[in-house]
């Protein structure tokens, strides 16, 4: 099987760095483009109290932080010149939904076993488990 588009989800965790290395190698081996996605969610703003309203971050700050983490993850994991075509994108939304949507336009979806959330003893995180059941393309979960 030949891949034309490989998508990998990253979140800055060691597990997602391993998934990124695997996805880059698959893209290199198959002459495919690599699309790296990082998702983020904007929490609800704090509620005003009798003491005033706590400071709140602008939506652009959340986006900017996600983009900075994405750039750092790419550079730290693959170096300055990985030798393959790579696009990166920080997208607001739930990780599973964003990655499932991306799987409709992909040949391979790669994720780590578990990211920053969840419980330390779990072998497979909720996002990777959801993707293996619902993605529209082949899925590799990198341990």
Foldseek 3Di string as FASTA:
>chain_A
DAWAEEEEEDALFPQSLQQVVVSLVNCVVRVHEYEYEYEDEADDADDADPVGGDDDDDPVVRQVVRVVSQVVSCCVRCNDCNPHHYHYHYYYDDPLVVQQVVLVVTAEYEYEQDGDDDDPPDRHDPSLVSCVVRHPHHYDYHD
